[in-house]
Amino acid sequence: DRFTNTPDGEPGLNYLCPSFKRFFHHVQEP
């Protein structure tokens, strides 16, 4: 799933990254 670019333009970012970040921050407290 690493077929998009980072905000800096580097290749290899997982296209699910924004969702993963949101999920992992959301479940941080529990």
Full PDB file with SEQRES, HELIX, SHEET, SSBOND, CRYST1, ORIGX, SCALE, CONECT and MASTER records, all heavy atoms in Angstrom:
SEQRES   1 A   30  ASP ARG PHE THR ASN THR PRO ASP GLY GLU PRO GLY LEU          
SEQRES   2 A   30  ASN TYR LEU CYS PRO SER PHE LYS ARG PHE PHE HIS HIS          
SEQRES   3 A   30  VAL GLN GLU PRO                                              
HELIX    1 AA1 CYS A   17  HIS A   26  1                                  10    
SHEET    1 AA1 2 THR A   4  ASN A   5  0                                        
SHEET    2 AA1 2 PRO A  11  LEU A  13 -1                                        
CRYST1    1.000    1.000    1.000  90.00  90.00  90.00 P 1           1          
ORIGX1      1.000000  0.000000  0.000000        0.00000                         
ORIGX2      0.000000  1.000000  0.000000        0.00000                         
ORIGX3      0.000000  0.000000  1.000000        0.00000                         
SCALE1      1.000000  0.000000  0.000000        0.00000                         
SCALE2      0.000000  1.000000  0.000000        0.00000                         
SCALE3      0.000000  0.000000  1.000000        0.00000                         
ATOM      1  N   ASP A   1       0.809  -1.223   0.000  1.00  0.00           N  
ATOM      2  CA  ASP A   1       0.000   0.000   0.000  1.00  0.00           C  
ATOM      3  C   ASP A   1       0.841   1.271   0.000  1.00  0.00           C  
ATOM      4  O   ASP A   1       0.318   2.359   0.188  1.00  0.00           O  
ATOM      5  CB  ASP A   1      -0.927   0.001   1.214  1.00  0.00           C  
ATOM      6  CG  ASP A   1      -1.926  -1.134   1.187  1.00  0.00           C  
ATOM      7  OD1 ASP A   1      -2.378  -1.496   0.083  1.00  0.00           O  
ATOM      8  OD2 ASP A   1      -2.261  -1.670   2.261  1.00  0.00           O  
ATOM      9  N   ARG A   2       2.130   1.153  -0.196  1.00  0.00           N  
ATOM     10  CA  ARG A   2       3.027   2.311  -0.153  1.00  0.00           C  
ATOM     11  C   ARG A   2       3.262   2.845  -1.570  1.00  0.00           C  
ATOM     12  O   ARG A   2       4.340   2.718  -2.130  1.00  0.00           O  
ATOM     13  CB  ARG A   2       4.358   1.931   0.478  1.00  0.00           C  
ATOM     14  CG  ARG A   2       4.243   1.559   1.940  1.00  0.00           C  
ATOM     15  CD  ARG A   2       5.608   1.206   2.478  1.00  0.00           C  
ATOM     16  NE  ARG A   2       5.544   0.750   3.852  1.00  0.00           N  
ATOM     17  CZ  ARG A   2       6.584   0.248   4.493  1.00  0.00           C  
ATOM     18  NH1 ARG A   2       7.747   0.135   3.891  1.00  0.00           N  
ATOM     19  NH2 ARG A   2       6.453  -0.155   5.737  1.00  0.00           N  
ATOM     20  N   PHE A   3       2.259   3.469  -2.123  1.00  0.00           N  
ATOM     21  CA  PHE A   3       2.379   3.945  -3.499  1.00  0.00           C  
ATOM     22  C   PHE A   3       2.044   5.422  -3.666  1.00  0.00           C  
ATOM     23  O   PHE A   3       1.855   5.892  -4.777  1.00  0.00           O  
ATOM     24  CB  PHE A   3       1.536   3.095  -4.457  1.00  0.00           C  
ATOM     25  CG  PHE A   3       0.094   2.932  -4.052  1.00  0.00           C  
ATOM     26  CD1 PHE A   3      -0.838   3.921  -4.302  1.00  0.00           C  
ATOM     27  CD2 PHE A   3      -0.318   1.766  -3.426  1.00  0.00           C  
ATOM     28  CE1 PHE A   3      -2.161   3.758  -3.938  1.00  0.00           C  
ATOM     29  CE2 PHE A   3      -1.634   1.591  -3.056  1.00  0.00           C  
ATOM     30  CZ  PHE A   3      -2.568   2.596  -3.315  1.00  0.00           C  
ATOM     31  N   THR A   4       1.988   6.166  -2.566  1.00  0.00           N  
ATOM     32  CA  THR A   4       1.806   7.615  -2.673  1.00  0.00           C  
ATOM     33  C   THR A   4       3.068   8.314  -2.195  1.00  0.00           C  
ATOM     34  O   THR A   4       3.985   7.685  -1.670  1.00  0.00           O  
ATOM     35  CB  THR A   4       0.578   8.096  -1.867  1.00  0.00           C  
ATOM     36  OG1 THR A   4       0.782   7.799  -0.486  1.00  0.00           O  
ATOM     37  CG2 THR A   4      -0.701   7.430  -2.338  1.00  0.00           C  
ATOM     38  N   ASN A   5       3.082   9.617  -2.344  1.00  0.00           N  
ATOM     39  CA  ASN A   5       4.231  10.418  -1.925  1.00  0.00           C  
ATOM     40  C   ASN A   5       3.940  11.114  -0.600  1.00  0.00           C  
ATOM     41  O   ASN A   5       2.793  11.450  -0.304  1.00  0.00           O  
ATOM     42  CB  ASN A   5       4.576  11.465  -2.977  1.00  0.00           C  
ATOM     43  CG  ASN A   5       5.104  10.836  -4.244  1.00  0.00           C  
ATOM     44  OD1 ASN A   5       5.601   9.718  -4.237  1.00  0.00           O  
ATOM     45  ND2 ASN A   5       5.000  11.557  -5.347  1.00  0.00           N  
ATOM     46  N   THR A   6       5.001  11.356   0.151  1.00  0.00           N  
ATOM     47  CA  THR A   6       4.883  12.096   1.404  1.00  0.00           C  
ATOM     48  C   THR A   6       4.591  13.567   1.082  1.00  0.00           C  
ATOM     49  O   THR A   6       4.724  13.990  -0.072  1.00  0.00           O  
ATOM     50  CB  THR A   6       6.196  12.019   2.209  1.00  0.00           C  
ATOM     51  OG1 THR A   6       7.203  12.737   1.506  1.00  0.00           O  
ATOM     52  CG2 THR A   6       6.629  10.577   2.442  1.00  0.00           C  
ATOM     53  N   PRO A   7       4.223  14.362   2.078  1.00  0.00           N  
ATOM     54  CA  PRO A   7       4.018  15.789   1.827  1.00  0.00           C  
ATOM     55  C   PRO A   7       5.255  16.477   1.226  1.00  0.00           C  
ATOM     56  O   PRO A   7       5.131  17.475   0.517  1.00  0.00           O  
ATOM     57  CB  PRO A   7       3.692  16.356   3.207  1.00  0.00           C  
ATOM     58  CG  PRO A   7       3.082  15.205   3.937  1.00  0.00           C  
ATOM     59  CD  PRO A   7       3.834  13.991   3.440  1.00  0.00           C  
ATOM     60  N   ASP A   8       6.445  15.910   1.481  1.00  0.00           N  
ATOM     61  CA  ASP A   8       7.683  16.464   0.919  1.00  0.00           C  
ATOM     62  C   ASP A   8       7.981  15.924  -0.475  1.00  0.00           C  
ATOM     63  O   ASP A   8       8.983  16.288  -1.082  1.00  0.00           O  
ATOM     64  CB  ASP A   8       8.870  16.140   1.837  1.00  0.00           C  
ATOM     65  CG  ASP A   8       8.729  16.755   3.218  1.00  0.00           C  
ATOM     66  OD1 ASP A   8       8.038  17.794   3.336  1.00  0.00           O  
ATOM     67  OD2 ASP A   8       9.299  16.201   4.168  1.00  0.00           O  
ATOM     68  N   GLY A   9       7.132  15.010  -0.974  1.00  0.00           N  
ATOM     69  CA  GLY A   9       7.323  14.456  -2.308  1.00  0.00           C  
ATOM     70  C   GLY A   9       8.119  13.170  -2.373  1.00  0.00           C  
ATOM     71  O   GLY A   9       8.354  12.633  -3.451  1.00  0.00           O  
ATOM     72  N   GLU A  10       8.531  12.643  -1.214  1.00  0.00           N  
ATOM     73  CA  GLU A  10       9.284  11.385  -1.203  1.00  0.00           C  
ATOM     74  C   GLU A  10       8.327  10.216  -1.462  1.00  0.00           C  
ATOM     75  O   GLU A  10       7.255  10.131  -0.859  1.00  0.00           O  
ATOM     76  CB  GLU A  10       9.972  11.206   0.156  1.00  0.00           C  
ATOM     77  CG  GLU A  10      10.914  10.034   0.217  1.00  0.00           C  
ATOM     78  CD  GLU A  10      11.611   9.899   1.569  1.00  0.00           C  
ATOM     79  OE1 GLU A  10      11.388  10.722   2.485  1.00  0.00           O  
ATOM     80  OE2 GLU A  10      12.385   8.942   1.704  1.00  0.00           O  
ATOM     81  N   PRO A  11       8.681   9.304  -2.358  1.00  0.00           N  
ATOM     82  CA  PRO A  11       7.797   8.164  -2.636  1.00  0.00           C  
ATOM     83  C   PRO A  11       7.830   7.140  -1.510  1.00  0.00           C  
ATOM     84  O   PRO A  11       8.732   7.138  -0.678  1.00  0.00           O  
ATOM     85  CB  PRO A  11       8.383   7.575  -3.922  1.00  0.00           C  
ATOM     86  CG  PRO A  11       9.813   7.980  -3.910  1.00  0.00           C  
ATOM     87  CD  PRO A  11       9.880   9.300  -3.191  1.00  0.00           C  
ATOM     88  N   GLY A  12       6.816   6.266  -1.493  1.00  0.00           N  
ATOM     89  CA  GLY A  12       6.803   5.161  -0.547  1.00  0.00           C  
ATOM     90  C   GLY A  12       5.888   5.337   0.640  1.00  0.00           C  
ATOM     91  O   GLY A  12       5.933   4.545   1.575  1.00  0.00           O  
ATOM     92  N   LEU A  13       5.001   6.332   0.603  1.00  0.00           N  
ATOM     93  CA  LEU A  13       4.066   6.534   1.708  1.00  0.00           C  
ATOM     94  C   LEU A  13       2.854   5.637   1.506  1.00  0.00           C  
ATOM     95  O   LEU A  13       2.342   5.494   0.394  1.00  0.00           O  
ATOM     96  CB  LEU A  13       3.621   7.998   1.764  1.00  0.00           C  
ATOM     97  CG  LEU A  13       2.664   8.364   2.901  1.00  0.00           C  
ATOM     98  CD1 LEU A  13       3.379   8.255   4.248  1.00  0.00           C  
ATOM     99  CD2 LEU A  13       2.132   9.778   2.707  1.00  0.00           C  
ATOM    100  N   ASN A  14       2.390   5.037   2.573  1.00  0.00           N  
ATOM    101  CA  ASN A  14       1.189   4.221   2.535  1.00  0.00           C  
ATOM    102  C   ASN A  14      -0.006   5.139   2.282  1.00  0.00           C  
ATOM    103  O   ASN A  14      -0.179   6.148   2.958  1.00  0.00           O  
ATOM    104  CB  ASN A  14       1.028   3.493   3.871  1.00  0.00           C  
ATOM    105  CG  ASN A  14      -0.033   2.425   3.847  1.00  0.00           C  
ATOM    106  OD1 ASN A  14      -1.149   2.656   3.410  1.00  0.00           O  
ATOM    107  ND2 ASN A  14       0.313   1.251   4.342  1.00  0.00           N  
ATOM    108  N   TYR A  15      -0.838   4.764   1.318  1.00  0.00           N  
ATOM    109  CA  TYR A  15      -1.982   5.619   1.000  1.00  0.00           C  
ATOM    110  C   TYR A  15      -2.974   5.710   2.154  1.00  0.00           C  
ATOM    111  O   TYR A  15      -3.797   6.615   2.214  1.00  0.00           O  
ATOM    112  CB  TYR A  15      -2.671   5.151  -0.296  1.00  0.00           C  
ATOM    113  CG  TYR A  15      -3.632   4.004  -0.133  1.00  0.00           C  
ATOM    114  CD1 TYR A  15      -5.012   4.225  -0.106  1.00  0.00           C  
ATOM    115  CD2 TYR A  15      -3.187   2.687  -0.030  1.00  0.00           C  
ATOM    116  CE1 TYR A  15      -5.903   3.179   0.026  1.00  0.00           C  
ATOM    117  CE2 TYR A  15      -4.069   1.643   0.093  1.00  0.00           C  
ATOM    118  CZ  TYR A  15      -5.427   1.884   0.122  1.00  0.00           C  
ATOM    119  OH  TYR A  15      -6.307   0.846   0.252  1.00  0.00           O  
ATOM    120  N   LEU A  16      -2.892   4.797   3.116  1.00  0.00           N  
ATOM    121  CA  LEU A  16      -3.761   4.816   4.290  1.00  0.00           C  
ATOM    122  C   LEU A  16      -3.184   5.641   5.440  1.00  0.00           C  
ATOM    123  O   LEU A  16      -3.791   5.716   6.506  1.00  0.00           O  
ATOM    124  CB  LEU A  16      -4.022   3.388   4.763  1.00  0.00           C  
ATOM    125  CG  LEU A  16      -4.764   2.493   3.774  1.00  0.00           C  
ATOM    126  CD1 LEU A  16      -4.724   1.040   4.235  1.00  0.00           C  
ATOM    127  CD2 LEU A  16      -6.181   2.969   3.591  1.00  0.00           C  
ATOM    128  N   CYS A  17      -2.043   6.261   5.238  1.00  0.00           N  
ATOM    129  CA  CYS A  17      -1.355   6.990   6.308  1.00  0.00           C  
ATOM    130  C   CYS A  17      -2.260   7.975   7.057  1.00  0.00           C  
ATOM    131  O   CYS A  17      -2.300   7.943   8.278  1.00  0.00           O  
ATOM    132  CB  CYS A  17      -0.120   7.694   5.747  1.00  0.00           C  
ATOM    133  SG  CYS A  17       0.739   8.712   6.967  1.00  0.00           S  
ATOM    134  N   PRO A  18      -2.977   8.863   6.385  1.00  0.00           N  
ATOM    135  CA  PRO A  18      -3.817   9.798   7.146  1.00  0.00           C  
ATOM    136  C   PRO A  18      -4.849   9.088   8.023  1.00  0.00           C  
ATOM    137  O   PRO A  18      -5.103   9.512   9.159  1.00  0.00           O  
ATOM    138  CB  PRO A  18      -4.506  10.638   6.058  1.00  0.00           C  
ATOM    139  CG  PRO A  18      -3.638  10.502   4.853  1.00  0.00           C  
ATOM    140  CD  PRO A  18      -3.030   9.130   4.946  1.00  0.00           C  
ATOM    141  N   SER A  19      -5.404   7.994   7.531  1.00  0.00           N  
ATOM    142  CA  SER A  19      -6.381   7.230   8.315  1.00  0.00           C  
ATOM    143  C   SER A  19      -5.717   6.512   9.477  1.00  0.00           C  
ATOM    144  O   SER A  19      -6.261   6.472  10.581  1.00  0.00           O  
ATOM    145  CB  SER A  19      -7.100   6.225   7.421  1.00  0.00           C  
ATOM    146  OG  SER A  19      -7.787   6.890   6.401  1.00  0.00           O  
ATOM    147  N   PHE A  20      -4.544   5.914   9.219  1.00  0.00           N  
ATOM    148  CA  PHE A  20      -3.810   5.269  10.307  1.00  0.00           C  
ATOM    149  C   PHE A  20      -3.500   6.283  11.401  1.00  0.00           C  
ATOM    150  O   PHE A  20      -3.704   6.008  12.583  1.00  0.00           O  
ATOM    151  CB  PHE A  20      -2.505   4.647   9.814  1.00  0.00           C  
ATOM    152  CG  PHE A  20      -2.659   3.352   9.070  1.00  0.00           C  
ATOM    153  CD1 PHE A  20      -1.729   2.991   8.118  1.00  0.00           C  
ATOM    154  CD2 PHE A  20      -3.704   2.482   9.328  1.00  0.00           C  
ATOM    155  CE1 PHE A  20      -1.840   1.790   7.430  1.00  0.00           C  
ATOM    156  CE2 PHE A  20      -3.834   1.277   8.650  1.00  0.00           C  
ATOM    157  CZ  PHE A  20      -2.891   0.937   7.692  1.00  0.00           C  
ATOM    158  N   LYS A  21      -3.000   7.453  11.030  1.00  0.00           N  
ATOM    159  CA  LYS A  21      -2.667   8.478  12.034  1.00  0.00           C  
ATOM    160  C   LYS A  21      -3.899   8.861  12.849  1.00  0.00           C  
ATOM    161  O   LYS A  21      -3.838   8.963  14.072  1.00  0.00           O  
ATOM    162  CB  LYS A  21      -2.087   9.722  11.361  1.00  0.00           C  
ATOM    163  CG  LYS A  21      -0.641   9.622  11.044  1.00  0.00           C  
ATOM    164  CD  LYS A  21      -0.135  10.959  10.559  1.00  0.00           C  
ATOM    165  CE  LYS A  21       1.372  10.957  10.547  1.00  0.00           C  
ATOM    166  NZ  LYS A  21       1.915  12.263  10.264  1.00  0.00           N  
ATOM    167  N   ARG A  22      -4.993   9.065  12.148  1.00  0.00           N  
ATOM    168  CA  ARG A  22      -6.223   9.459  12.843  1.00  0.00           C  
ATOM    169  C   ARG A  22      -6.668   8.358  13.811  1.00  0.00           C  
ATOM    170  O   ARG A  22      -7.037   8.624  14.948  1.00  0.00           O  
ATOM    171  CB  ARG A  22      -7.309   9.756  11.825  1.00  0.00           C  
ATOM    172  CG  ARG A  22      -8.531  10.348  12.431  1.00  0.00           C  
ATOM    173  CD  ARG A  22      -9.469  10.857  11.378  1.00  0.00           C  
ATOM    174  NE  ARG A  22     -10.613  11.459  12.035  1.00  0.00           N  
ATOM    175  CZ  ARG A  22     -11.685  11.841  11.434  1.00  0.00           C  
ATOM    176  NH1 ARG A  22     -11.778  11.731  10.125  1.00  0.00           N  
ATOM    177  NH2 ARG A  22     -12.683  12.359  12.096  1.00  0.00           N  
ATOM    178  N   PHE A  23      -6.626   7.104  13.343  1.00  0.00           N  
ATOM    179  CA  PHE A  23      -7.023   5.986  14.196  1.00  0.00           C  
ATOM    180  C   PHE A  23      -6.126   5.867  15.419  1.00  0.00           C  
ATOM    181  O   PHE A  23      -6.612   5.772  16.550  1.00  0.00           O  
ATOM    182  CB  PHE A  23      -7.004   4.671  13.402  1.00  0.00           C  
ATOM    183  CG  PHE A  23      -7.194   3.462  14.279  1.00  0.00           C  
ATOM    184  CD1 PHE A  23      -8.452   3.127  14.755  1.00  0.00           C  
ATOM    185  CD2 PHE A  23      -6.112   2.677  14.642  1.00  0.00           C  
ATOM    186  CE1 PHE A  23      -8.636   2.021  15.579  1.00  0.00           C  
ATOM    187  CE2 PHE A  23      -6.286   1.562  15.456  1.00  0.00           C  
ATOM    188  CZ  PHE A  23      -7.549   1.241  15.926  1.00  0.00           C  
ATOM    189  N   PHE A  24      -4.808   5.863  15.204  1.00  0.00           N  
ATOM    190  CA  PHE A  24      -3.885   5.661  16.326  1.00  0.00           C  
ATOM    191  C   PHE A  24      -3.937   6.814  17.329  1.00  0.00           C  
ATOM    192  O   PHE A  24      -3.780   6.591  18.526  1.00  0.00           O  
ATOM    193  CB  PHE A  24      -2.467   5.416  15.830  1.00  0.00           C  
ATOM    194  CG  PHE A  24      -2.304   4.072  15.160  1.00  0.00           C  
ATOM    195  CD1 PHE A  24      -1.874   3.982  13.862  1.00  0.00           C  
ATOM    196  CD2 PHE A  24      -2.616   2.902  15.840  1.00  0.00           C  
ATOM    197  CE1 PHE A  24      -1.738   2.746  13.230  1.00  0.00           C  
ATOM    198  CE2 PHE A  24      -2.497   1.661  15.227  1.00  0.00           C  
ATOM    199  CZ  PHE A  24      -2.058   1.587  13.920  1.00  0.00           C  
ATOM    200  N   HIS A  25      -4.191   8.021  16.872  1.00  0.00           N  
ATOM    201  CA  HIS A  25      -4.380   9.119  17.812  1.00  0.00           C  
ATOM    202  C   HIS A  25      -5.711   8.977  18.554  1.00  0.00           C  
ATOM    203  O   HIS A  25      -5.801   9.271  19.741  1.00  0.00           O  
ATOM    204  CB  HIS A  25      -4.299  10.467  17.100  1.00  0.00           C  
ATOM    205  CG  HIS A  25      -2.904  10.885  16.798  1.00  0.00           C  
ATOM    206  ND1 HIS A  25      -2.424  11.013  15.527  1.00  0.00           N  
ATOM    207  CD2 HIS A  25      -1.857  11.168  17.612  1.00  0.00           C  
ATOM    208  CE1 HIS A  25      -1.161  11.376  15.561  1.00  0.00           C  
ATOM    209  NE2 HIS A  25      -0.783  11.463  16.816  1.00  0.00           N  
ATOM    210  N   HIS A  26      -6.731   8.516  17.844  1.00  0.00           N  
ATOM    211  CA  HIS A  26      -8.055   8.355  18.452  1.00  0.00           C  
ATOM    212  C   HIS A  26      -8.040   7.325  19.576  1.00  0.00           C  
ATOM    213  O   HIS A  26      -8.715   7.491  20.590  1.00  0.00           O  
ATOM    214  CB  HIS A  26      -9.076   7.960  17.376  1.00  0.00           C  
ATOM    215  CG  HIS A  26     -10.460   7.768  17.901  1.00  0.00           C  
ATOM    216  ND1 HIS A  26     -11.272   8.826  18.266  1.00  0.00           N  
ATOM    217  CD2 HIS A  26     -11.183   6.641  18.139  1.00  0.00           C  
ATOM    218  CE1 HIS A  26     -12.434   8.361  18.700  1.00  0.00           C  
ATOM    219  NE2 HIS A  26     -12.405   7.037  18.630  1.00  0.00           N  
ATOM    220  N   VAL A  27      -7.287   6.247  19.419  1.00  0.00           N  
ATOM    221  CA  VAL A  27      -7.269   5.172  20.422  1.00  0.00           C  
ATOM    222  C   VAL A  27      -6.142   5.341  21.444  1.00  0.00           C  
ATOM    223  O   VAL A  27      -5.946   4.465  22.291  1.00  0.00           O  
ATOM    224  CB  VAL A  27      -7.182   3.778  19.759  1.00  0.00           C  
ATOM    225  CG1 VAL A  27      -8.382   3.526  18.864  1.00  0.00           C  
ATOM    226  CG2 VAL A  27      -5.870   3.580  19.021  1.00  0.00           C  
ATOM    227  N   GLN A  28      -5.443   6.445  21.387  1.00  0.00           N  
ATOM    228  CA  GLN A  28      -4.294   6.660  22.266  1.00  0.00           C  
ATOM    229  C   GLN A  28      -4.661   6.529  23.745  1.00  0.00           C  
ATOM    230  O   GLN A  28      -3.981   5.812  24.488  1.00  0.00           O  
ATOM    231  CB  GLN A  28      -3.704   8.041  21.988  1.00  0.00           C  
ATOM    232  CG  GLN A  28      -2.418   8.318  22.687  1.00  0.00           C  
ATOM    233  CD  GLN A  28      -1.783   9.604  22.174  1.00  0.00           C  
ATOM    234  OE1 GLN A  28      -2.069  10.068  21.075  1.00  0.00           O  
ATOM    235  NE2 GLN A  28      -0.936  10.178  22.970  1.00  0.00           N  
ATOM    236  N   GLU A  29      -5.700   7.188  24.189  1.00  0.00           N  
ATOM    237  CA  GLU A  29      -6.053   7.134  25.608  1.00  0.00           C  
ATOM    238  C   GLU A  29      -6.448   5.726  26.051  1.00  0.00           C  
ATOM    239  O   GLU A  29      -5.903   5.217  27.035  1.00  0.00           O  
ATOM    240  CB  GLU A  29      -7.170   8.121  25.954  1.00  0.00           C  
ATOM    241  CG  GLU A  29      -7.511   8.077  27.436  1.00  0.00           C  
ATOM    242  CD  GLU A  29      -8.711   8.932  27.807  1.00  0.00           C  
ATOM    243  OE1 GLU A  29      -9.321   9.559  26.923  1.00  0.00           O  
ATOM    244  OE2 GLU A  29      -9.042   8.947  29.000  1.00  0.00           O  
ATOM    245  N   PRO A  30      -7.370   5.050  25.362  1.00  0.00           N  
ATOM    246  CA  PRO A  30      -7.688   3.691  25.824  1.00  0.00           C  
ATOM    247  C   PRO A  30      -6.497   2.735  25.749  1.00  0.00           C  
ATOM    248  O   PRO A  30      -6.364   1.859  26.613  1.00  0.00           O  
ATOM    249  CB  PRO A  30      -8.825   3.239  24.898  1.00  0.00           C  
ATOM    250  CG  PRO A  30      -8.928   4.236  23.828  1.00  0.00           C  
ATOM    251  CD  PRO A  30      -8.245   5.475  24.270  1.00  0.00           C  
TER     252      PRO A  30                                                      
MASTER        0    0    0    1    2    0    0    6  251    1    0    3          
END                                                                             
